[in-house]
Amino acid sequence: MARIIVKLSDDEKRTYIEIGTRIKEARDKKGMYLNVLGQKIGVSEASMSRYERGETKVDLVTIKKIAEVLNVSDKWLIGWKSEETYYLNEDTKEIAIYLSENPEQYFLMDATRKLKPEDYKYVKDLVERLSKEDGDNDD
């Protein structure tokens, strides 16, 4: 099957380069490999690479799929300037802001991601017990 190459205008090139940069930024923050993102949205690694380099148009359906997998807003991916568009929802935004302002909480959250399920349960139970004990002392 022959691939049809459409010449993009300079403005279109800049736009798709910006979209690609945002895709890469969100993918890197998520720690996801290019081929994994491609698999999750149903495109080849080569196509994902072209999207990230801004060498090819990314249709809105694909942008929505990418945004969903990367847990970012499709509006942010296409370059809307409002800061409200980066996070997929308000809860995600509040958690991200809280973690950025409280590095000790971020450390704990990040450390638990590496635990085995039984160790996570142990830590969770310990934190709940300590939280309850602290609450009992406030009386």
N, C-alpha and C. Protein backbone atom coordinates (compact mmCIF):
# COMPACT_ATOMS: atom_id res chain seq x y z
N MET A 1 0.84 -1.17 0.00
CA MET A 1 0.00 0.00 0.00
C MET A 1 0.89 1.24 0.00
N ALA A 2 0.71 2.11 -0.95
CA ALA A 2 1.51 3.32 -1.07
C ALA A 2 1.05 4.35 -0.05
N ARG A 3 2.01 5.05 0.53
CA ARG A 3 1.71 6.10 1.48
C ARG A 3 1.64 7.42 0.75
N ILE A 4 0.59 8.17 0.98
CA ILE A 4 0.44 9.47 0.34
C ILE A 4 1.07 10.51 1.26
N ILE A 5 1.97 11.28 0.72
CA ILE A 5 2.64 12.32 1.49
C ILE A 5 2.02 13.66 1.14
N VAL A 6 1.52 14.33 2.18
CA VAL A 6 0.89 15.64 2.00
C VAL A 6 1.86 16.68 2.53
N LYS A 7 2.14 17.68 1.74
CA LYS A 7 3.05 18.76 2.13
C LYS A 7 2.33 19.68 3.12
N LEU A 8 2.95 19.89 4.28
CA LEU A 8 2.38 20.76 5.30
C LEU A 8 2.90 22.18 5.13
N SER A 9 2.06 23.15 5.42
CA SER A 9 2.52 24.55 5.42
C SER A 9 3.42 24.76 6.63
N ASP A 10 4.13 25.87 6.66
CA ASP A 10 5.03 26.16 7.79
C ASP A 10 4.24 26.25 9.11
N ASP A 11 3.06 26.88 9.06
CA ASP A 11 2.22 26.98 10.27
C ASP A 11 1.79 25.60 10.74
N GLU A 12 1.38 24.75 9.79
CA GLU A 12 0.98 23.39 10.15
C GLU A 12 2.16 22.63 10.75
N LYS A 13 3.33 22.78 10.17
CA LYS A 13 4.53 22.11 10.69
C LYS A 13 4.78 22.51 12.14
N ARG A 14 4.73 23.83 12.40
CA ARG A 14 4.96 24.32 13.77
C ARG A 14 3.92 23.74 14.73
N THR A 15 2.67 23.71 14.29
CA THR A 15 1.60 23.19 15.12
C THR A 15 1.83 21.72 15.47
N TYR A 16 2.15 20.91 14.47
CA TYR A 16 2.34 19.48 14.72
C TYR A 16 3.63 19.20 15.48
N ILE A 17 4.63 20.05 15.34
CA ILE A 17 5.84 19.92 16.16
C ILE A 17 5.51 20.20 17.62
N GLU A 18 4.69 21.23 17.86
CA GLU A 18 4.28 21.56 19.24
C GLU A 18 3.44 20.42 19.84
N ILE A 19 2.53 19.86 19.07
CA ILE A 19 1.73 18.73 19.55
C ILE A 19 2.65 17.56 19.88
N GLY A 20 3.58 17.27 18.98
CA GLY A 20 4.52 16.17 19.21
C GLY A 20 5.36 16.38 20.45
N THR A 21 5.78 17.62 20.68
CA THR A 21 6.57 17.93 21.87
C THR A 21 5.76 17.67 23.13
N ARG A 22 4.49 18.05 23.11
CA ARG A 22 3.62 17.81 24.28
C ARG A 22 3.38 16.32 24.49
N ILE A 23 3.19 15.59 23.41
CA ILE A 23 3.00 14.13 23.53
C ILE A 23 4.23 13.52 24.19
N LYS A 24 5.41 13.90 23.70
CA LYS A 24 6.65 13.35 24.26
C LYS A 24 6.82 13.75 25.72
N GLU A 25 6.51 15.00 26.04
CA GLU A 25 6.63 15.47 27.42
C GLU A 25 5.73 14.65 28.35
N ALA A 26 4.48 14.46 27.96
CA ALA A 26 3.54 13.70 28.79
C ALA A 26 3.96 12.23 28.87
N ARG A 27 4.43 11.68 27.77
CA ARG A 27 4.87 10.28 27.75
C ARG A 27 6.08 10.09 28.65
N ASP A 28 7.04 11.02 28.58
CA ASP A 28 8.23 10.94 29.42
C ASP A 28 7.86 11.05 30.90
N LYS A 29 6.95 11.97 31.23
CA LYS A 29 6.53 12.12 32.62
C LYS A 29 5.88 10.84 33.14
N LYS A 30 5.20 10.15 32.26
CA LYS A 30 4.54 8.89 32.63
C LYS A 30 5.53 7.74 32.64
N GLY A 31 6.72 7.94 32.07
CA GLY A 31 7.72 6.88 32.02
C GLY A 31 7.35 5.77 31.06
N MET A 32 6.66 6.13 29.99
CA MET A 32 6.17 5.14 29.03
C MET A 32 7.03 5.16 27.76
N TYR A 33 7.35 3.98 27.29
CA TYR A 33 8.12 3.87 26.05
C TYR A 33 7.22 4.18 24.85
N LEU A 34 7.85 4.66 23.81
CA LEU A 34 7.16 5.02 22.57
C LEU A 34 6.35 3.85 22.01
N ASN A 35 6.95 2.67 21.97
CA ASN A 35 6.25 1.50 21.41
C ASN A 35 5.05 1.10 22.26
N VAL A 36 5.14 1.28 23.57
CA VAL A 36 4.02 0.93 24.46
C VAL A 36 2.85 1.87 24.21
N LEU A 37 3.13 3.16 24.09
CA LEU A 37 2.06 4.12 23.79
C LEU A 37 1.43 3.77 22.45
N GLY A 38 2.25 3.48 21.47
CA GLY A 38 1.73 3.10 20.15
C GLY A 38 0.81 1.89 20.23
N GLN A 39 1.22 0.87 20.98
CA GLN A 39 0.39 -0.33 21.13
C GLN A 39 -0.94 0.01 21.79
N LYS A 40 -0.89 0.84 22.82
CA LYS A 40 -2.11 1.17 23.56
C LYS A 40 -3.12 1.94 22.72
N ILE A 41 -2.64 2.71 21.74
CA ILE A 41 -3.59 3.48 20.92
C ILE A 41 -3.79 2.86 19.54
N GLY A 42 -3.07 1.77 19.26
CA GLY A 42 -3.28 1.03 18.02
C GLY A 42 -2.54 1.56 16.81
N VAL A 43 -1.34 2.14 17.04
CA VAL A 43 -0.50 2.57 15.91
C VAL A 43 0.90 2.01 16.10
N SER A 44 1.68 2.01 15.04
CA SER A 44 3.04 1.48 15.11
C SER A 44 3.96 2.44 15.87
N GLU A 45 5.09 1.91 16.30
CA GLU A 45 6.10 2.74 16.95
C GLU A 45 6.60 3.81 15.98
N ALA A 46 6.72 3.44 14.70
CA ALA A 46 7.18 4.40 13.69
C ALA A 46 6.19 5.56 13.56
N SER A 47 4.89 5.26 13.58
CA SER A 47 3.88 6.33 13.51
C SER A 47 3.97 7.23 14.73
N MET A 48 4.11 6.62 15.92
CA MET A 48 4.23 7.42 17.14
C MET A 48 5.45 8.33 17.06
N SER A 49 6.55 7.80 16.54
CA SER A 49 7.76 8.58 16.41
C SER A 49 7.54 9.78 15.48
N ARG A 50 6.84 9.55 14.37
CA ARG A 50 6.55 10.65 13.44
C ARG A 50 5.63 11.69 14.10
N TYR A 51 4.66 11.22 14.91
CA TYR A 51 3.78 12.17 15.62
C TYR A 51 4.63 13.04 16.56
N GLU A 52 5.51 12.41 17.32
CA GLU A 52 6.31 13.17 18.28
C GLU A 52 7.28 14.14 17.62
N ARG A 53 7.75 13.80 16.45
CA ARG A 53 8.66 14.71 15.73
C ARG A 53 7.89 15.76 14.92
N GLY A 54 6.57 15.64 14.87
CA GLY A 54 5.76 16.60 14.13
C GLY A 54 5.85 16.42 12.64
N GLU A 55 6.20 15.22 12.20
CA GLU A 55 6.39 14.98 10.77
C GLU A 55 5.10 14.58 10.07
N THR A 56 4.08 14.28 10.83
CA THR A 56 2.82 13.87 10.23
C THR A 56 1.66 14.40 11.05
N LYS A 57 0.53 14.58 10.40
CA LYS A 57 -0.66 15.07 11.09
C LYS A 57 -1.17 14.01 12.07
N VAL A 58 -1.68 14.49 13.19
CA VAL A 58 -2.30 13.62 14.17
C VAL A 58 -3.78 13.97 14.19
N ASP A 59 -4.63 13.02 13.83
CA ASP A 59 -6.06 13.32 13.80
C ASP A 59 -6.61 13.41 15.23
N LEU A 60 -7.78 14.02 15.36
CA LEU A 60 -8.36 14.26 16.68
C LEU A 60 -8.69 12.97 17.43
N VAL A 61 -9.10 11.95 16.72
CA VAL A 61 -9.40 10.67 17.37
C VAL A 61 -8.14 10.12 18.03
N THR A 62 -7.02 10.19 17.32
CA THR A 62 -5.74 9.71 17.86
C THR A 62 -5.29 10.58 19.02
N ILE A 63 -5.47 11.89 18.91
CA ILE A 63 -5.11 12.79 20.01
C ILE A 63 -5.91 12.44 21.26
N LYS A 64 -7.20 12.17 21.09
CA LYS A 64 -8.03 11.79 22.25
C LYS A 64 -7.54 10.49 22.87
N LYS A 65 -7.16 9.51 22.05
CA LYS A 65 -6.64 8.23 22.56
C LYS A 65 -5.34 8.45 23.33
N ILE A 66 -4.45 9.24 22.75
CA ILE A 66 -3.16 9.53 23.40
C ILE A 66 -3.40 10.22 24.74
N ALA A 67 -4.27 11.22 24.75
CA ALA A 67 -4.57 11.96 25.98
C ALA A 67 -5.11 11.02 27.07
N GLU A 68 -5.99 10.12 26.67
CA GLU A 68 -6.57 9.19 27.64
C GLU A 68 -5.50 8.28 28.24
N VAL A 69 -4.64 7.73 27.39
CA VAL A 69 -3.59 6.83 27.87
C VAL A 69 -2.60 7.57 28.77
N LEU A 70 -2.27 8.81 28.42
CA LEU A 70 -1.28 9.57 29.18
C LEU A 70 -1.90 10.37 30.33
N ASN A 71 -3.22 10.29 30.46
CA ASN A 71 -3.95 10.97 31.54
C ASN A 71 -3.71 12.48 31.52
N VAL A 72 -3.78 13.05 30.32
CA VAL A 72 -3.72 14.50 30.15
C VAL A 72 -4.93 14.92 29.31
N SER A 73 -5.17 16.18 29.25
CA SER A 73 -6.28 16.70 28.47
C SER A 73 -5.91 16.77 26.99
N ASP A 74 -6.85 16.41 26.14
CA ASP A 74 -6.63 16.54 24.70
C ASP A 74 -6.47 18.02 24.33
N LYS A 75 -7.11 18.90 25.06
CA LYS A 75 -6.99 20.34 24.81
C LYS A 75 -5.56 20.80 25.06
N TRP A 76 -4.94 20.27 26.11
CA TRP A 76 -3.55 20.61 26.39
C TRP A 76 -2.64 20.09 25.27
N LEU A 77 -2.89 18.86 24.82
CA LEU A 77 -2.06 18.29 23.76
C LEU A 77 -2.09 19.14 22.49
N ILE A 78 -3.24 19.71 22.15
CA ILE A 78 -3.31 20.48 20.91
C ILE A 78 -2.89 21.94 21.09
N GLY A 79 -2.54 22.30 22.33
CA GLY A 79 -1.93 23.60 22.54
C GLY A 79 -2.80 24.71 23.09
N TRP A 80 -3.96 24.37 23.62
CA TRP A 80 -4.73 25.42 24.27
C TRP A 80 -3.90 25.96 25.41
N LYS A 81 -3.86 27.24 25.56
CA LYS A 81 -2.95 27.88 26.49
C LYS A 81 -3.41 27.87 27.94
N SER A 82 -4.67 27.62 28.19
CA SER A 82 -5.17 27.66 29.56
C SER A 82 -4.50 26.60 30.41
N GLU A 83 -4.07 27.00 31.62
CA GLU A 83 -3.45 26.03 32.52
C GLU A 83 -4.44 24.96 32.97
N GLU A 84 -5.72 25.26 32.82
CA GLU A 84 -6.75 24.31 33.23
C GLU A 84 -6.82 23.10 32.30
N THR A 85 -6.15 23.13 31.18
CA THR A 85 -6.31 22.06 30.21
C THR A 85 -5.31 20.93 30.36
N TYR A 86 -4.26 21.09 31.18
CA TYR A 86 -3.24 20.04 31.26
C TYR A 86 -3.78 18.77 31.90
N TYR A 87 -4.44 18.90 33.02
CA TYR A 87 -4.90 17.72 33.76
C TYR A 87 -6.23 17.22 33.24
N LEU A 88 -6.38 15.91 33.26
CA LEU A 88 -7.58 15.27 32.73
C LEU A 88 -8.81 15.64 33.55
N ASN A 89 -8.65 15.76 34.85
CA ASN A 89 -9.80 16.11 35.69
C ASN A 89 -9.32 16.89 36.92
N GLU A 90 -10.24 17.44 37.65
CA GLU A 90 -9.92 18.30 38.79
C GLU A 90 -9.21 17.54 39.91
N ASP A 91 -9.62 16.28 40.16
CA ASP A 91 -8.96 15.48 41.20
C ASP A 91 -7.48 15.28 40.88
N THR A 92 -7.18 14.95 39.63
CA THR A 92 -5.79 14.74 39.22
C THR A 92 -5.00 16.03 39.41
N LYS A 93 -5.59 17.15 39.06
CA LYS A 93 -4.92 18.44 39.21
C LYS A 93 -4.61 18.72 40.68
N GLU A 94 -5.60 18.53 41.56
CA GLU A 94 -5.41 18.79 42.98
C GLU A 94 -4.32 17.91 43.57
N ILE A 95 -4.31 16.63 43.20
CA ILE A 95 -3.29 15.70 43.70
C ILE A 95 -1.91 16.13 43.21
N ALA A 96 -1.80 16.47 41.94
CA ALA A 96 -0.50 16.87 41.38
C ALA A 96 0.02 18.13 42.07
N ILE A 97 -0.83 19.10 42.29
CA ILE A 97 -0.41 20.34 42.96
C ILE A 97 0.01 20.04 44.39
N TYR A 98 -0.78 19.24 45.08
CA TYR A 98 -0.46 18.87 46.46
C TYR A 98 0.90 18.19 46.54
N LEU A 99 1.13 17.22 45.64
CA LEU A 99 2.39 16.48 45.66
C LEU A 99 3.57 17.38 45.32
N SER A 100 3.37 18.33 44.41
CA SER A 100 4.48 19.23 44.06
C SER A 100 4.82 20.17 45.21
N GLU A 101 3.83 20.48 46.06
CA GLU A 101 4.06 21.37 47.20
C GLU A 101 4.49 20.63 48.46
N ASN A 102 4.40 19.31 48.45
CA ASN A 102 4.72 18.49 49.62
C ASN A 102 5.63 17.33 49.21
N PRO A 103 6.93 17.61 49.05
CA PRO A 103 7.83 16.58 48.54
C PRO A 103 7.89 15.32 49.39
N GLU A 104 7.67 15.44 50.72
CA GLU A 104 7.69 14.24 51.56
C GLU A 104 6.52 13.31 51.23
N GLN A 105 5.38 13.90 50.86
CA GLN A 105 4.23 13.09 50.44
C GLN A 105 4.50 12.43 49.09
N TYR A 106 5.17 13.17 48.21
CA TYR A 106 5.52 12.61 46.91
C TYR A 106 6.46 11.41 47.10
N PHE A 107 7.42 11.56 48.01
CA PHE A 107 8.36 10.47 48.27
C PHE A 107 7.59 9.21 48.70
N LEU A 108 6.65 9.38 49.62
CA LEU A 108 5.88 8.23 50.10
C LEU A 108 5.05 7.60 48.98
N MET A 109 4.40 8.45 48.21
CA MET A 109 3.58 7.94 47.11
C MET A 109 4.45 7.19 46.09
N ASP A 110 5.57 7.78 45.74
CA ASP A 110 6.45 7.16 44.75
C ASP A 110 7.03 5.85 45.29
N ALA A 111 7.40 5.83 46.56
CA ALA A 111 7.98 4.63 47.16
C ALA A 111 6.97 3.48 47.16
N THR A 112 5.70 3.77 47.38
CA THR A 112 4.70 2.69 47.43
C THR A 112 4.47 2.06 46.06
N ARG A 113 4.77 2.79 45.00
CA ARG A 113 4.57 2.23 43.65
C ARG A 113 5.47 1.03 43.40
N LYS A 114 6.56 0.93 44.13
CA LYS A 114 7.54 -0.13 43.91
C LYS A 114 7.32 -1.34 44.82
N LEU A 115 6.33 -1.26 45.70
CA LEU A 115 6.09 -2.34 46.66
C LEU A 115 5.32 -3.50 46.05
N LYS A 116 5.57 -4.68 46.60
CA LYS A 116 4.75 -5.84 46.26
C LYS A 116 3.39 -5.64 46.93
N PRO A 117 2.33 -6.23 46.40
CA PRO A 117 0.99 -6.03 46.96
C PRO A 117 0.90 -6.31 48.46
N GLU A 118 1.54 -7.37 48.93
CA GLU A 118 1.45 -7.68 50.36
C GLU A 118 2.19 -6.65 51.21
N ASP A 119 3.29 -6.07 50.68
CA ASP A 119 4.01 -5.02 51.39
C ASP A 119 3.21 -3.72 51.38
N TYR A 120 2.55 -3.44 50.27
CA TYR A 120 1.71 -2.25 50.19
C TYR A 120 0.60 -2.32 51.24
N LYS A 121 -0.02 -3.49 51.36
CA LYS A 121 -1.10 -3.67 52.34
C LYS A 121 -0.56 -3.43 53.75
N TYR A 122 0.64 -3.94 54.04
CA TYR A 122 1.26 -3.75 55.36
C TYR A 122 1.46 -2.26 55.65
N VAL A 123 2.03 -1.54 54.67
CA VAL A 123 2.29 -0.10 54.85
C VAL A 123 0.97 0.66 55.00
N LYS A 124 -0.01 0.31 54.18
CA LYS A 124 -1.32 0.98 54.25
C LYS A 124 -1.95 0.77 55.63
N ASP A 125 -1.91 -0.47 56.11
CA ASP A 125 -2.47 -0.76 57.44
C ASP A 125 -1.73 0.02 58.52
N LEU A 126 -0.40 0.10 58.40
CA LEU A 126 0.41 0.84 59.37
C LEU A 126 0.04 2.32 59.37
N VAL A 127 -0.06 2.91 58.19
CA VAL A 127 -0.42 4.34 58.10
C VAL A 127 -1.81 4.57 58.67
N GLU A 128 -2.75 3.70 58.36
CA GLU A 128 -4.11 3.86 58.91
C GLU A 128 -4.10 3.75 60.43
N ARG A 129 -3.31 2.81 60.97
CA ARG A 129 -3.23 2.64 62.43
C ARG A 129 -2.60 3.87 63.06
N LEU A 130 -1.51 4.38 62.46
CA LEU A 130 -0.85 5.58 62.99
C LEU A 130 -1.77 6.80 62.90
N SER A 131 -2.50 6.91 61.82
CA SER A 131 -3.43 8.03 61.65
C SER A 131 -4.53 7.98 62.71
N LYS A 132 -5.01 6.79 62.99
CA LYS A 132 -6.07 6.62 63.99
C LYS A 132 -5.53 6.96 65.37
N GLU A 133 -4.30 6.52 65.68
CA GLU A 133 -3.69 6.82 66.98
C GLU A 133 -3.52 8.32 67.14
N ASP A 134 -3.09 9.00 66.08
CA ASP A 134 -2.94 10.47 66.13
C ASP A 134 -4.28 11.12 66.39
N GLY A 135 -5.33 10.60 65.76
CA GLY A 135 -6.68 11.14 65.97
C GLY A 135 -7.16 10.92 67.38
N ASP A 136 -6.79 9.79 67.98
CA ASP A 136 -7.19 9.51 69.36
C ASP A 136 -6.53 10.47 70.33
N ASN A 137 -5.32 10.93 70.03
CA ASN A 137 -4.59 11.84 70.91
C ASN A 137 -5.11 13.26 70.82
N ASP A 138 -5.92 13.57 69.80
CA ASP A 138 -6.43 14.94 69.64
C ASP A 138 -7.62 15.24 70.53
N ASP A 139 -8.16 14.22 71.22
CA ASP A 139 -9.36 14.42 72.06
C ASP A 139 -9.11 15.29 73.24
